[in-house]
């Protein structure tokens, strides 16, 4: 073993042991061998200690997992009746195998494709209008310096989210009826009352408008939380470079909240065809079926009213497959183009 020492002149030299002499013992060899044969490093905690320490957190997570298993995953087994003939009172998984018979039925059914078109149009309008508005509102609220005014605006915009769908539908009917507030204002300015809820061309506007009123304020919560994570030093650097408020928003704020935007966009695309069943069911009438009837209401009439559950299951499975494909496609495109994705 070479030994380094310092000479009288201060220069380091190396002394080589004589041939045949035993090497000097390494002071760290013993402890290192002991650590190899001994227990795991102190930084590693056993699962028993982790369970005792975080048992309450695991228990809190257990209930949602049980809920998902019982009400989300177990019902998937029932999709088998899309390929079997199911009769009320018979076996829970159908009585006989019919293959793709029900799939062929709805593919060749013009009513289904009309309903599918309505669903795609309403879902597209809802996504196009309601997705960017929470971002705009969050950016506006982020610029407000009066704390009291900001809280008032937030409270007013959040409140509709907590109203029941039945209450929202009832308010909409009262406002848009022939004797409602909207028609009274129309008559005051010299117009003629319009039966909004009986006109098919007005239904999509009414639906999207109520969705904006009910969901935009609540959607700003996540974006306001994301805005707090943007590094303030980036704004200072932008101001030094001469960027105004608009350029700071475009080049600093929006890129800072881009992961949140992409995540919510992918989740919204996944529910693209799941247009609100309750609101449509409460607002539409046979007079507005041409523009208001969507897949969820069509499944309700076919499956529960007409007792054709196998046919309804086939349509629902088709709808779920389209949603899955859209989520996977949006996630793939986002990862390649933007660099942010769900997984």
C-alpha atoms as a PDB file:
ATOM      1  CA  UNK A   1       0.000   0.000   0.000  1.00  0.00           C
ATOM      2  CA  UNK A   2       1.362   3.449  -0.950  1.00  0.00           C
ATOM      3  CA  UNK A   3       1.666   5.938   1.907  1.00  0.00           C
ATOM      4  CA  UNK A   4       1.619   9.638   1.123  1.00  0.00           C
ATOM      5  CA  UNK A   5       3.508  11.985   3.414  1.00  0.00           C
ATOM      6  CA  UNK A   6       4.868  15.490   3.296  1.00  0.00           C
ATOM      7  CA  UNK A   7       8.601  16.153   3.046  1.00  0.00           C
ATOM      8  CA  UNK A   8      10.486  18.894   4.849  1.00  0.00           C
ATOM      9  CA  UNK A   9      10.236  21.048   1.777  1.00  0.00           C
ATOM     10  CA  UNK A  10       6.475  20.643   1.879  1.00  0.00           C
ATOM     11  CA  UNK A  11       6.198  18.476  -1.257  1.00  0.00           C
ATOM     12  CA  UNK A  12       4.117  15.314  -0.935  1.00  0.00           C
ATOM     13  CA  UNK A  13       5.933  12.008  -1.483  1.00  0.00           C
ATOM     14  CA  UNK A  14       4.802   8.414  -1.656  1.00  0.00           C
ATOM     15  CA  UNK A  15       6.434   5.651   0.314  1.00  0.00           C
ATOM     16  CA  UNK A  16       6.222   2.097  -1.099  1.00  0.00           C
ATOM     17  CA  UNK A  17       6.319  -0.785   1.365  1.00  0.00           C
ATOM     18  CA  UNK A  18       9.103  -3.322   1.091  1.00  0.00           C
ATOM     19  CA  UNK A  19       8.469  -6.478  -0.939  1.00  0.00           C
ATOM     20  CA  UNK A  20       6.909  -9.286   1.061  1.00  0.00           C
ATOM     21  CA  UNK A  21       5.676  -7.043   3.859  1.00  0.00           C
ATOM     22  CA  UNK A  22       2.076  -7.292   4.895  1.00  0.00           C
ATOM     23  CA  UNK A  23      -0.208  -4.510   3.685  1.00  0.00           C
ATOM     24  CA  UNK A  24      -1.447  -2.122   6.279  1.00  0.00           C
ATOM     25  CA  UNK A  25      -4.993  -2.747   7.422  1.00  0.00           C
ATOM     26  CA  UNK A  26      -7.736  -0.576   6.012  1.00  0.00           C
ATOM     27  CA  UNK A  27      -9.521   1.136   8.871  1.00  0.00           C
ATOM     28  CA  UNK A  28     -12.801   1.259   6.934  1.00  0.00           C
ATOM     29  CA  UNK A  29     -12.727  -2.363   5.740  1.00  0.00           C
ATOM     30  CA  UNK A  30     -14.118  -3.793   8.934  1.00  0.00           C
ATOM     31  CA  UNK A  31     -17.107  -1.498   9.272  1.00  0.00           C
ATOM     32  CA  UNK A  32     -17.812  -1.800   5.557  1.00  0.00           C
ATOM     33  CA  UNK A  33     -17.875  -5.605   5.747  1.00  0.00           C
ATOM     34  CA  UNK A  34     -20.051  -5.332   8.794  1.00  0.00           C
ATOM     35  CA  UNK A  35     -22.488  -3.115   6.977  1.00  0.00           C
ATOM     36  CA  UNK A  36     -22.717  -5.612   4.140  1.00  0.00           C
ATOM     37  CA  UNK A  37     -23.597  -8.479   6.450  1.00  0.00           C
ATOM     38  CA  UNK A  38     -25.744  -6.384   8.769  1.00  0.00           C
ATOM     39  CA  UNK A  39     -29.149  -4.825   8.418  1.00  0.00           C
ATOM     40  CA  UNK A  40     -30.445  -2.662   5.612  1.00  0.00           C
ATOM     41  CA  UNK A  41     -29.370   1.007   5.543  1.00  0.00           C
ATOM     42  CA  UNK A  42     -31.119   3.176   8.066  1.00  0.00           C
ATOM     43  CA  UNK A  43     -32.793   5.231   5.294  1.00  0.00           C
ATOM     44  CA  UNK A  44     -35.013   2.270   4.313  1.00  0.00           C
ATOM     45  CA  UNK A  45     -38.167   1.867   6.400  1.00  0.00           C
ATOM     46  CA  UNK A  46     -40.046  -1.426   6.631  1.00  0.00           C
ATOM     47  CA  UNK A  47     -43.634  -1.634   5.409  1.00  0.00           C
ATOM     48  CA  UNK A  48     -44.844  -2.337   8.947  1.00  0.00           C
ATOM     49  CA  UNK A  49     -43.440   0.942  10.225  1.00  0.00           C
ATOM     50  CA  UNK A  50     -44.822   2.743   7.192  1.00  0.00           C
ATOM     51  CA  UNK A  51     -48.254   1.237   7.791  1.00  0.00           C
ATOM     52  CA  UNK A  52     -48.199   2.231  11.464  1.00  0.00           C
ATOM     53  CA  UNK A  53     -47.036   5.729  10.625  1.00  0.00           C
ATOM     54  CA  UNK A  54     -49.343   6.436   7.657  1.00  0.00           C
ATOM     55  CA  UNK A  55     -52.168   4.040   8.461  1.00  0.00           C
ATOM     56  CA  UNK A  56     -54.769   6.803   8.627  1.00  0.00           C
ATOM     57  CA  UNK A  57     -53.838   8.047   5.158  1.00  0.00           C
ATOM     58  CA  UNK A  58     -54.036   4.540   3.706  1.00  0.00           C
ATOM     59  CA  UNK A  59     -57.426   4.084   5.352  1.00  0.00           C
ATOM     60  CA  UNK A  60     -58.673   7.320   3.815  1.00  0.00           C
ATOM     61  CA  UNK A  61     -57.480   6.148   0.377  1.00  0.00           C
ATOM     62  CA  UNK A  62     -59.082   2.729   0.869  1.00  0.00           C
ATOM     63  CA  UNK A  63     -62.676   4.016   0.794  1.00  0.00           C
ATOM     64  CA  UNK A  64     -62.394   5.707  -2.641  1.00  0.00           C
ATOM     65  CA  UNK A  65     -60.694   2.595  -4.006  1.00  0.00           C
ATOM     66  CA  UNK A  66     -63.549   0.419  -2.735  1.00  0.00           C
ATOM     67  CA  UNK A  67     -66.027   2.818  -4.302  1.00  0.00           C
ATOM     68  CA  UNK A  68     -64.234   2.646  -7.670  1.00  0.00           C
ATOM     69  CA  UNK A  69     -64.069  -1.151  -7.586  1.00  0.00           C
ATOM     70  CA  UNK A  70     -67.743  -1.595  -6.685  1.00  0.00           C
ATOM     71  CA  UNK A  71     -69.351   1.139  -8.788  1.00  0.00           C
ATOM     72  CA  UNK A  72     -66.887   1.564 -11.671  1.00  0.00           C
ATOM     73  CA  UNK A  73     -65.047  -1.687 -12.371  1.00  0.00           C
ATOM     74  CA  UNK A  74     -67.460  -4.396 -11.300  1.00  0.00           C
ATOM     75  CA  UNK A  75     -70.289  -3.055 -13.530  1.00  0.00           C
ATOM     76  CA  UNK A  76     -67.968  -3.514 -16.516  1.00  0.00           C
ATOM     77  CA  UNK A  77     -68.711  -7.218 -16.294  1.00  0.00           C
ATOM     78  CA  UNK A  78     -72.278  -6.403 -17.308  1.00  0.00           C
ATOM     79  CA  UNK A  79     -71.073  -5.259 -20.739  1.00  0.00           C
ATOM     80  CA  UNK A  80     -71.280  -8.897 -21.753  1.00  0.00           C
ATOM     81  CA  UNK A  81     -75.037  -8.458 -22.338  1.00  0.00           C
ATOM     82  CA  UNK A  82     -74.105  -6.340 -25.379  1.00  0.00           C
ATOM     83  CA  UNK A  83     -73.284  -9.697 -27.013  1.00  0.00           C
ATOM     84  CA  UNK A  84     -75.980 -11.801 -25.331  1.00  0.00           C
ATOM     85  CA  UNK A  85     -79.760 -11.601 -25.408  1.00  0.00           C
ATOM     86  CA  UNK A  86     -81.001 -10.274 -22.096  1.00  0.00           C
ATOM     87  CA  UNK A  87     -84.605 -10.516 -20.957  1.00  0.00           C
ATOM     88  CA  UNK A  88     -85.947  -9.031 -17.696  1.00  0.00           C
ATOM     89  CA  UNK A  89     -86.352 -11.825 -15.187  1.00  0.00           C
ATOM     90  CA  UNK A  90     -83.748 -14.019 -16.840  1.00  0.00           C
ATOM     91  CA  UNK A  91     -80.076 -14.549 -16.100  1.00  0.00           C
ATOM     92  CA  UNK A  92     -78.026 -11.546 -15.109  1.00  0.00           C
ATOM     93  CA  UNK A  93     -75.569 -12.162 -17.978  1.00  0.00           C
ATOM     94  CA  UNK A  94     -78.174 -12.931 -20.621  1.00  0.00           C
ATOM     95  CA  UNK A  95     -79.662 -16.140 -21.903  1.00  0.00           C
ATOM     96  CA  UNK A  96     -78.066 -16.797 -25.293  1.00  0.00           C
ATOM     97  CA  UNK A  97     -75.069 -15.598 -27.250  1.00  0.00           C
ATOM     98  CA  UNK A  98     -75.952 -13.369 -30.232  1.00  0.00           C
ATOM     99  CA  UNK A  99     -72.513 -12.024 -31.110  1.00  0.00           C
ATOM    100  CA  UNK A 100     -72.482  -8.650 -32.878  1.00  0.00           C
ATOM    101  CA  UNK A 101     -76.194  -8.598 -33.625  1.00  0.00           C
ATOM    102  CA  UNK A 102     -76.920  -5.518 -31.498  1.00  0.00           C
ATOM    103  CA  UNK A 103     -73.813  -3.749 -32.821  1.00  0.00           C
ATOM    104  CA  UNK A 104     -75.090  -4.248 -36.361  1.00  0.00           C
ATOM    105  CA  UNK A 105     -78.519  -2.968 -35.311  1.00  0.00           C
ATOM    106  CA  UNK A 106     -77.335   0.408 -34.053  1.00  0.00           C
ATOM    107  CA  UNK A 107     -74.803   0.798 -36.873  1.00  0.00           C
ATOM    108  CA  UNK A 108     -77.643   0.447 -39.370  1.00  0.00           C
ATOM    109  CA  UNK A 109     -80.043   2.573 -37.301  1.00  0.00           C
ATOM    110  CA  UNK A 110     -80.363   6.142 -38.706  1.00  0.00           C
ATOM    111  CA  UNK A 111     -81.877   7.328 -35.414  1.00  0.00           C
ATOM    112  CA  UNK A 112     -78.702   6.406 -33.549  1.00  0.00           C
ATOM    113  CA  UNK A 113     -76.485   8.324 -35.956  1.00  0.00           C
ATOM    114  CA  UNK A 114     -78.750  11.344 -35.686  1.00  0.00           C
ATOM    115  CA  UNK A 115     -78.443  11.156 -31.899  1.00  0.00           C
ATOM    116  CA  UNK A 116     -74.682  10.637 -32.202  1.00  0.00           C
ATOM    117  CA  UNK A 117     -74.401  13.772 -34.347  1.00  0.00           C
ATOM    118  CA  UNK A 118     -76.363  15.803 -31.803  1.00  0.00           C
ATOM    119  CA  UNK A 119     -74.099  14.527 -29.032  1.00  0.00           C
ATOM    120  CA  UNK A 120     -70.929  15.393 -30.962  1.00  0.00           C
ATOM    121  CA  UNK A 121     -72.192  18.904 -31.770  1.00  0.00           C
ATOM    122  CA  UNK A 122     -73.312  19.712 -28.218  1.00  0.00           C
ATOM    123  CA  UNK A 123     -70.167  18.155 -26.737  1.00  0.00           C
ATOM    124  CA  UNK A 124     -67.943  20.067 -29.161  1.00  0.00           C
ATOM    125  CA  UNK A 125     -69.679  23.377 -28.447  1.00  0.00           C
ATOM    126  CA  UNK A 126     -69.485  22.779 -24.701  1.00  0.00           C
ATOM    127  CA  UNK A 127     -65.771  21.917 -24.847  1.00  0.00           C
ATOM    128  CA  UNK A 128     -64.939  24.840 -27.140  1.00  0.00           C
ATOM    129  CA  UNK A 129     -66.750  27.409 -24.997  1.00  0.00           C
ATOM    130  CA  UNK A 130     -66.337  26.154 -21.431  1.00  0.00           C
ATOM    131  CA  UNK A 131     -62.673  25.082 -21.582  1.00  0.00           C
ATOM    132  CA  UNK A 132     -60.971  28.454 -22.281  1.00  0.00           C
ATOM    133  CA  UNK A 133     -63.324  30.616 -20.183  1.00  0.00           C
ATOM    134  CA  UNK A 134     -62.034  29.397 -16.776  1.00  0.00           C
ATOM    135  CA  UNK A 135     -58.497  30.187 -17.926  1.00  0.00           C
ATOM    136  CA  UNK A 136     -59.519  33.704 -18.939  1.00  0.00           C
ATOM    137  CA  UNK A 137     -61.378  34.282 -15.671  1.00  0.00           C
ATOM    138  CA  UNK A 138     -58.434  32.972 -13.629  1.00  0.00           C
ATOM    139  CA  UNK A 139     -56.022  35.278 -15.459  1.00  0.00           C
ATOM    140  CA  UNK A 140     -58.316  38.254 -14.862  1.00  0.00           C
ATOM    141  CA  UNK A 141     -58.719  37.427 -11.175  1.00  0.00           C
ATOM    142  CA  UNK A 142     -54.972  36.995 -10.851  1.00  0.00           C
ATOM    143  CA  UNK A 143     -54.502  40.617 -11.957  1.00  0.00           C
ATOM    144  CA  UNK A 144     -56.935  41.991  -9.367  1.00  0.00           C
ATOM    145  CA  UNK A 145     -55.157  43.635  -6.454  1.00  0.00           C
ATOM    146  CA  UNK A 146     -58.241  44.461  -4.366  1.00  0.00           C
ATOM    147  CA  UNK A 147     -58.627  41.392  -2.160  1.00  0.00           C
ATOM    148  CA  UNK A 148     -62.218  42.156  -1.144  1.00  0.00           C
ATOM    149  CA  UNK A 149     -63.379  42.608  -4.730  1.00  0.00           C
ATOM    150  CA  UNK A 150     -61.557  39.449  -5.797  1.00  0.00           C
ATOM    151  CA  UNK A 151     -63.270  37.384  -3.094  1.00  0.00           C
ATOM    152  CA  UNK A 152     -66.698  38.751  -4.013  1.00  0.00           C
ATOM    153  CA  UNK A 153     -66.204  37.860  -7.686  1.00  0.00           C
ATOM    154  CA  UNK A 154     -64.951  34.394  -6.777  1.00  0.00           C
ATOM    155  CA  UNK A 155     -67.915  33.726  -4.476  1.00  0.00           C
ATOM    156  CA  UNK A 156     -70.426  34.864  -7.087  1.00  0.00           C
ATOM    157  CA  UNK A 157     -68.812  32.776  -9.833  1.00  0.00           C
ATOM    158  CA  UNK A 158     -68.475  29.655  -7.630  1.00  0.00           C
ATOM    159  CA  UNK A 159     -72.054  29.701  -6.324  1.00  0.00           C
ATOM    160  CA  UNK A 160     -73.850  28.178  -9.374  1.00  0.00           C
ATOM    161  CA  UNK A 161     -71.705  25.050  -9.141  1.00  0.00           C
ATOM    162  CA  UNK A 162     -73.345  24.115  -5.845  1.00  0.00           C
ATOM    163  CA  UNK A 163     -76.878  24.336  -7.232  1.00  0.00           C
ATOM    164  CA  UNK A 164     -78.669  21.129  -8.112  1.00  0.00           C
ATOM    165  CA  UNK A 165     -79.299  20.324 -11.778  1.00  0.00           C
ATOM    166  CA  UNK A 166     -83.018  20.346 -11.011  1.00  0.00           C
ATOM    167  CA  UNK A 167     -82.773  23.890  -9.619  1.00  0.00           C
ATOM    168  CA  UNK A 168     -80.755  25.058 -12.627  1.00  0.00           C
ATOM    169  CA  UNK A 169     -83.274  23.519 -15.030  1.00  0.00           C
ATOM    170  CA  UNK A 170     -86.193  25.055 -13.100  1.00  0.00           C
ATOM    171  CA  UNK A 171     -84.576  28.503 -13.167  1.00  0.00           C
ATOM    172  CA  UNK A 172     -83.917  28.147 -16.892  1.00  0.00           C
ATOM    173  CA  UNK A 173     -87.540  27.227 -17.565  1.00  0.00           C
ATOM    174  CA  UNK A 174     -88.796  30.164 -15.529  1.00  0.00           C
ATOM    175  CA  UNK A 175     -86.487  32.635 -17.242  1.00  0.00           C
ATOM    176  CA  UNK A 176     -87.135  31.393 -20.791  1.00  0.00           C
ATOM    177  CA  UNK A 177     -90.883  30.680 -20.654  1.00  0.00           C
ATOM    178  CA  UNK A 178     -93.291  32.830 -22.664  1.00  0.00           C
ATOM    179  CA  UNK A 179     -94.080  34.854 -19.551  1.00  0.00           C
ATOM    180  CA  UNK A 180     -90.552  34.681 -18.213  1.00  0.00           C
ATOM    181  CA  UNK A 181     -88.063  37.447 -17.549  1.00  0.00           C
ATOM    182  CA  UNK A 182     -86.259  37.147 -20.888  1.00  0.00           C
ATOM    183  CA  UNK A 183     -89.433  37.443 -22.952  1.00  0.00           C
ATOM    184  CA  UNK A 184     -90.629  40.328 -20.808  1.00  0.00           C
ATOM    185  CA  UNK A 185     -87.435  42.188 -21.632  1.00  0.00           C
ATOM    186  CA  UNK A 186     -87.880  41.322 -25.314  1.00  0.00           C
ATOM    187  CA  UNK A 187     -91.409  42.743 -25.274  1.00  0.00           C
ATOM    188  CA  UNK A 188     -90.221  45.897 -23.488  1.00  0.00           C
ATOM    189  CA  UNK A 189     -87.887  46.729 -26.377  1.00  0.00           C
ATOM    190  CA  UNK A 190     -90.706  46.119 -28.870  1.00  0.00           C
ATOM    191  CA  UNK A 191     -90.064  42.474 -29.774  1.00  0.00           C
ATOM    192  CA  UNK A 192     -92.324  39.447 -29.725  1.00  0.00           C
ATOM    193  CA  UNK A 193     -92.120  36.667 -27.181  1.00  0.00           C
ATOM    194  CA  UNK A 194     -90.137  33.596 -28.268  1.00  0.00           C
ATOM    195  CA  UNK A 195     -90.903  30.061 -27.002  1.00  0.00           C
ATOM    196  CA  UNK A 196     -87.223  29.246 -26.450  1.00  0.00           C
ATOM    197  CA  UNK A 197     -87.791  25.804 -24.944  1.00  0.00           C
ATOM    198  CA  UNK A 198     -90.042  24.720 -27.816  1.00  0.00           C
ATOM    199  CA  UNK A 199     -87.710  25.843 -30.610  1.00  0.00           C
ATOM    200  CA  UNK A 200     -85.139  23.190 -31.635  1.00  0.00           C
ATOM    201  CA  UNK A 201     -82.702  25.821 -32.925  1.00  0.00           C
ATOM    202  CA  UNK A 202     -82.424  27.397 -29.459  1.00  0.00           C
ATOM    203  CA  UNK A 203     -81.733  24.270 -27.405  1.00  0.00           C
ATOM    204  CA  UNK A 204     -77.968  24.036 -27.990  1.00  0.00           C
ATOM    205  CA  UNK A 205     -77.502  27.704 -27.118  1.00  0.00           C
ATOM    206  CA  UNK A 206     -79.527  27.251 -23.925  1.00  0.00           C
ATOM    207  CA  UNK A 207     -77.593  24.153 -22.892  1.00  0.00           C
ATOM    208  CA  UNK A 208     -74.149  25.652 -23.493  1.00  0.00           C
ATOM    209  CA  UNK A 209     -75.178  28.903 -21.775  1.00  0.00           C
ATOM    210  CA  UNK A 210     -76.284  27.094 -18.628  1.00  0.00           C
ATOM    211  CA  UNK A 211     -73.071  25.046 -18.645  1.00  0.00           C
ATOM    212  CA  UNK A 212     -70.993  28.221 -18.819  1.00  0.00           C
ATOM    213  CA  UNK A 213     -72.935  29.817 -15.976  1.00  0.00           C
ATOM    214  CA  UNK A 214     -72.668  26.734 -13.779  1.00  0.00           C
ATOM    215  CA  UNK A 215     -69.105  25.496 -14.366  1.00  0.00           C
ATOM    216  CA  UNK A 216     -66.796  28.356 -15.368  1.00  0.00           C
ATOM    217  CA  UNK A 217     -66.397  29.814 -11.882  1.00  0.00           C
ATOM    218  CA  UNK A 218     -65.633  26.447 -10.338  1.00  0.00           C
ATOM    219  CA  UNK A 219     -63.118  25.651 -13.069  1.00  0.00           C
ATOM    220  CA  UNK A 220     -60.990  28.659 -12.131  1.00  0.00           C
ATOM    221  CA  UNK A 221     -59.981  27.077  -8.799  1.00  0.00           C
ATOM    222  CA  UNK A 222     -57.384  24.768 -10.338  1.00  0.00           C
ATOM    223  CA  UNK A 223     -55.979  27.485 -12.568  1.00  0.00           C
ATOM    224  CA  UNK A 224     -55.689  29.968  -9.689  1.00  0.00           C
ATOM    225  CA  UNK A 225     -53.814  27.311  -7.726  1.00  0.00           C
ATOM    226  CA  UNK A 226     -51.541  26.673 -10.718  1.00  0.00           C
ATOM    227  CA  UNK A 227     -50.825  30.398 -11.076  1.00  0.00           C
ATOM    228  CA  UNK A 228     -49.339  30.471  -7.575  1.00  0.00           C
ATOM    229  CA  UNK A 229     -46.625  28.016  -8.678  1.00  0.00           C
ATOM    230  CA  UNK A 230     -45.252  30.266 -11.447  1.00  0.00           C
ATOM    231  CA  UNK A 231     -41.812  31.599 -10.479  1.00  0.00           C
ATOM    232  CA  UNK A 232     -41.986  35.341  -9.783  1.00  0.00           C
ATOM    233  CA  UNK A 233     -38.391  35.786 -10.956  1.00  0.00           C
ATOM    234  CA  UNK A 234     -39.558  35.019 -14.493  1.00  0.00           C
ATOM    235  CA  UNK A 235     -41.837  38.055 -14.382  1.00  0.00           C
ATOM    236  CA  UNK A 236     -38.971  40.211 -13.165  1.00  0.00           C
ATOM    237  CA  UNK A 237     -36.764  38.999 -16.013  1.00  0.00           C
ATOM    238  CA  UNK A 238     -39.559  39.665 -18.498  1.00  0.00           C
ATOM    239  CA  UNK A 239     -40.024  43.203 -17.174  1.00  0.00           C
ATOM    240  CA  UNK A 240     -36.288  43.842 -17.473  1.00  0.00           C
ATOM    241  CA  UNK A 241     -36.494  42.704 -21.107  1.00  0.00           C
ATOM    242  CA  UNK A 242     -39.289  45.256 -21.667  1.00  0.00           C
ATOM    243  CA  UNK A 243     -42.265  42.890 -21.781  1.00  0.00           C
ATOM    244  CA  UNK A 244     -45.646  44.441 -21.028  1.00  0.00           C
ATOM    245  CA  UNK A 245     -48.455  42.688 -19.116  1.00  0.00           C
ATOM    246  CA  UNK A 246     -49.812  40.998 -22.229  1.00  0.00           C
ATOM    247  CA  UNK A 247     -46.413  39.589 -23.219  1.00  0.00           C
ATOM    248  CA  UNK A 248     -45.772  38.473 -19.640  1.00  0.00           C
ATOM    249  CA  UNK A 249     -49.079  36.605 -19.699  1.00  0.00           C
ATOM    250  CA  UNK A 250     -48.371  35.032 -23.086  1.00  0.00           C
ATOM    251  CA  UNK A 251     -44.716  34.080 -22.527  1.00  0.00           C
ATOM    252  CA  UNK A 252     -44.594  33.435 -18.759  1.00  0.00           C
ATOM    253  CA  UNK A 253     -48.036  32.793 -17.256  1.00  0.00           C
ATOM    254  CA  UNK A 254     -49.554  30.523 -19.894  1.00  0.00           C
ATOM    255  CA  UNK A 255     -46.436  28.322 -20.255  1.00  0.00           C
ATOM    256  CA  UNK A 256     -46.321  28.089 -16.454  1.00  0.00           C
ATOM    257  CA  UNK A 257     -49.846  26.648 -16.217  1.00  0.00           C
ATOM    258  CA  UNK A 258     -49.602  24.612 -19.408  1.00  0.00           C
ATOM    259  CA  UNK A 259     -49.397  21.199 -17.636  1.00  0.00           C
ATOM    260  CA  UNK A 260     -52.642  21.958 -15.795  1.00  0.00           C
ATOM    261  CA  UNK A 261     -54.309  23.111 -19.000  1.00  0.00           C
ATOM    262  CA  UNK A 262     -53.246  19.987 -20.891  1.00  0.00           C
ATOM    263  CA  UNK A 263     -54.381  17.658 -18.100  1.00  0.00           C
ATOM    264  CA  UNK A 264     -57.838  19.212 -17.886  1.00  0.00           C
ATOM    265  CA  UNK A 265     -58.167  19.309 -21.663  1.00  0.00           C
ATOM    266  CA  UNK A 266     -57.436  15.579 -21.949  1.00  0.00           C
ATOM    267  CA  UNK A 267     -59.937  14.801 -19.185  1.00  0.00           C
ATOM    268  CA  UNK A 268     -62.583  16.946 -20.889  1.00  0.00           C
ATOM    269  CA  UNK A 269     -61.948  15.225 -24.207  1.00  0.00           C
ATOM    270  CA  UNK A 270     -62.508  11.887 -22.459  1.00  0.00           C
ATOM    271  CA  UNK A 271     -66.028  13.008 -21.481  1.00  0.00           C
ATOM    272  CA  UNK A 272     -66.671  14.536 -24.894  1.00  0.00           C
ATOM    273  CA  UNK A 273     -69.649  12.291 -25.635  1.00  0.00           C
ATOM    274  CA  UNK A 274     -70.983  12.196 -22.075  1.00  0.00           C
ATOM    275  CA  UNK A 275     -73.246  15.197 -22.484  1.00  0.00           C
ATOM    276  CA  UNK A 276     -75.116  15.890 -19.256  1.00  0.00           C
ATOM    277  CA  UNK A 277     -77.979  13.420 -19.051  1.00  0.00           C
ATOM    278  CA  UNK A 278     -79.906  15.081 -16.217  1.00  0.00           C
ATOM    279  CA  UNK A 279     -79.950  18.572 -17.697  1.00  0.00           C
ATOM    280  CA  UNK A 280     -80.928  17.407 -21.178  1.00  0.00           C
ATOM    281  CA  UNK A 281     -83.638  15.145 -19.776  1.00  0.00           C
ATOM    282  CA  UNK A 282     -85.122  18.026 -17.781  1.00  0.00           C
ATOM    283  CA  UNK A 283     -84.936  20.640 -20.529  1.00  0.00           C
ATOM    284  CA  UNK A 284     -85.812  18.829 -23.736  1.00  0.00           C
ATOM    285  CA  UNK A 285     -89.267  18.035 -25.084  1.00  0.00           C
ATOM    286  CA  UNK A 286     -90.478  15.973 -28.052  1.00  0.00           C
ATOM    287  CA  UNK A 287     -90.526  19.233 -30.015  1.00  0.00           C
ATOM    288  CA  UNK A 288     -86.771  19.635 -29.579  1.00  0.00           C
ATOM    289  CA  UNK A 289     -85.698  16.028 -30.142  1.00  0.00           C
ATOM    290  CA  UNK A 290     -84.150  16.938 -33.482  1.00  0.00           C
ATOM    291  CA  UNK A 291     -81.372  18.960 -31.801  1.00  0.00           C
ATOM    292  CA  UNK A 292     -81.625  17.976 -28.124  1.00  0.00           C
ATOM    293  CA  UNK A 293     -81.710  14.175 -28.119  1.00  0.00           C
ATOM    294  CA  UNK A 294     -78.274  12.816 -27.150  1.00  0.00           C
ATOM    295  CA  UNK A 295     -76.852   9.349 -26.610  1.00  0.00           C
ATOM    296  CA  UNK A 296     -77.533   9.286 -22.856  1.00  0.00           C
ATOM    297  CA  UNK A 297     -81.222  10.189 -23.235  1.00  0.00           C
ATOM    298  CA  UNK A 298     -81.580   7.799 -26.163  1.00  0.00           C
ATOM    299  CA  UNK A 299     -80.110   5.012 -24.026  1.00  0.00           C
ATOM    300  CA  UNK A 300     -82.581   5.883 -21.267  1.00  0.00           C
ATOM    301  CA  UNK A 301     -85.571   5.544 -23.609  1.00  0.00           C
ATOM    302  CA  UNK A 302     -84.277   2.422 -25.332  1.00  0.00           C
ATOM    303  CA  UNK A 303     -82.946   0.610 -22.271  1.00  0.00           C
ATOM    304  CA  UNK A 304     -85.203   1.530 -19.361  1.00  0.00           C
ATOM    305  CA  UNK A 305     -88.405   2.641 -21.070  1.00  0.00           C
ATOM    306  CA  UNK A 306     -88.454   0.056 -23.883  1.00  0.00           C
ATOM    307  CA  UNK A 307     -86.639  -2.674 -21.831  1.00  0.00           C
ATOM    308  CA  UNK A 308     -84.148  -3.348 -24.636  1.00  0.00           C
ATOM    309  CA  UNK A 309     -81.156  -3.517 -22.296  1.00  0.00           C
ATOM    310  CA  UNK A 310     -78.850  -5.488 -24.597  1.00  0.00           C
ATOM    311  CA  UNK A 311     -79.237  -2.929 -27.375  1.00  0.00           C
ATOM    312  CA  UNK A 312     -78.586  -0.086 -24.910  1.00  0.00           C
ATOM    313  CA  UNK A 313     -75.507  -1.893 -23.527  1.00  0.00           C
ATOM    314  CA  UNK A 314     -74.070  -2.234 -27.048  1.00  0.00           C
ATOM    315  CA  UNK A 315     -74.498   1.499 -27.678  1.00  0.00           C
ATOM    316  CA  UNK A 316     -73.001   2.369 -24.280  1.00  0.00           C
ATOM    317  CA  UNK A 317     -69.992   0.122 -24.933  1.00  0.00           C
ATOM    318  CA  UNK A 318     -69.480   1.782 -28.306  1.00  0.00           C
ATOM    319  CA  UNK A 319     -69.614   5.209 -26.654  1.00  0.00           C
ATOM    320  CA  UNK A 320     -67.076   4.147 -24.004  1.00  0.00           C
ATOM    321  CA  UNK A 321     -64.689   2.811 -26.641  1.00  0.00           C
ATOM    322  CA  UNK A 322     -64.824   6.110 -28.533  1.00  0.00           C
ATOM    323  CA  UNK A 323     -64.071   7.994 -25.311  1.00  0.00           C
ATOM    324  CA  UNK A 324     -61.105   5.720 -24.581  1.00  0.00           C
ATOM    325  CA  UNK A 325     -59.684   6.191 -28.077  1.00  0.00           C
ATOM    326  CA  UNK A 326     -60.066   9.964 -27.824  1.00  0.00           C
ATOM    327  CA  UNK A 327     -58.290  10.096 -24.446  1.00  0.00           C
ATOM    328  CA  UNK A 328     -55.395   7.953 -25.679  1.00  0.00           C
ATOM    329  CA  UNK A 329     -55.089   9.974 -28.884  1.00  0.00           C
ATOM    330  CA  UNK A 330     -55.195  13.321 -27.070  1.00  0.00           C
ATOM    331  CA  UNK A 331     -52.593  12.146 -24.566  1.00  0.00           C
ATOM    332  CA  UNK A 332     -50.286  10.880 -27.339  1.00  0.00           C
ATOM    333  CA  UNK A 333     -50.593  14.068 -29.395  1.00  0.00           C
ATOM    334  CA  UNK A 334     -50.074  16.253 -26.325  1.00  0.00           C
ATOM    335  CA  UNK A 335     -46.942  14.346 -25.313  1.00  0.00           C
ATOM    336  CA  UNK A 336     -45.463  14.646 -28.794  1.00  0.00           C
ATOM    337  CA  UNK A 337     -46.454  18.246 -29.545  1.00  0.00           C
ATOM    338  CA  UNK A 338     -46.577  20.028 -26.192  1.00  0.00           C
ATOM    339  CA  UNK A 339     -44.403  17.776 -24.034  1.00  0.00           C
ATOM    340  CA  UNK A 340     -47.002  17.433 -21.264  1.00  0.00           C
ATOM    341  CA  UNK A 341     -49.442  14.563 -20.782  1.00  0.00           C
ATOM    342  CA  UNK A 342     -51.352  12.536 -18.207  1.00  0.00           C
ATOM    343  CA  UNK A 343     -48.912   9.622 -18.403  1.00  0.00           C
END
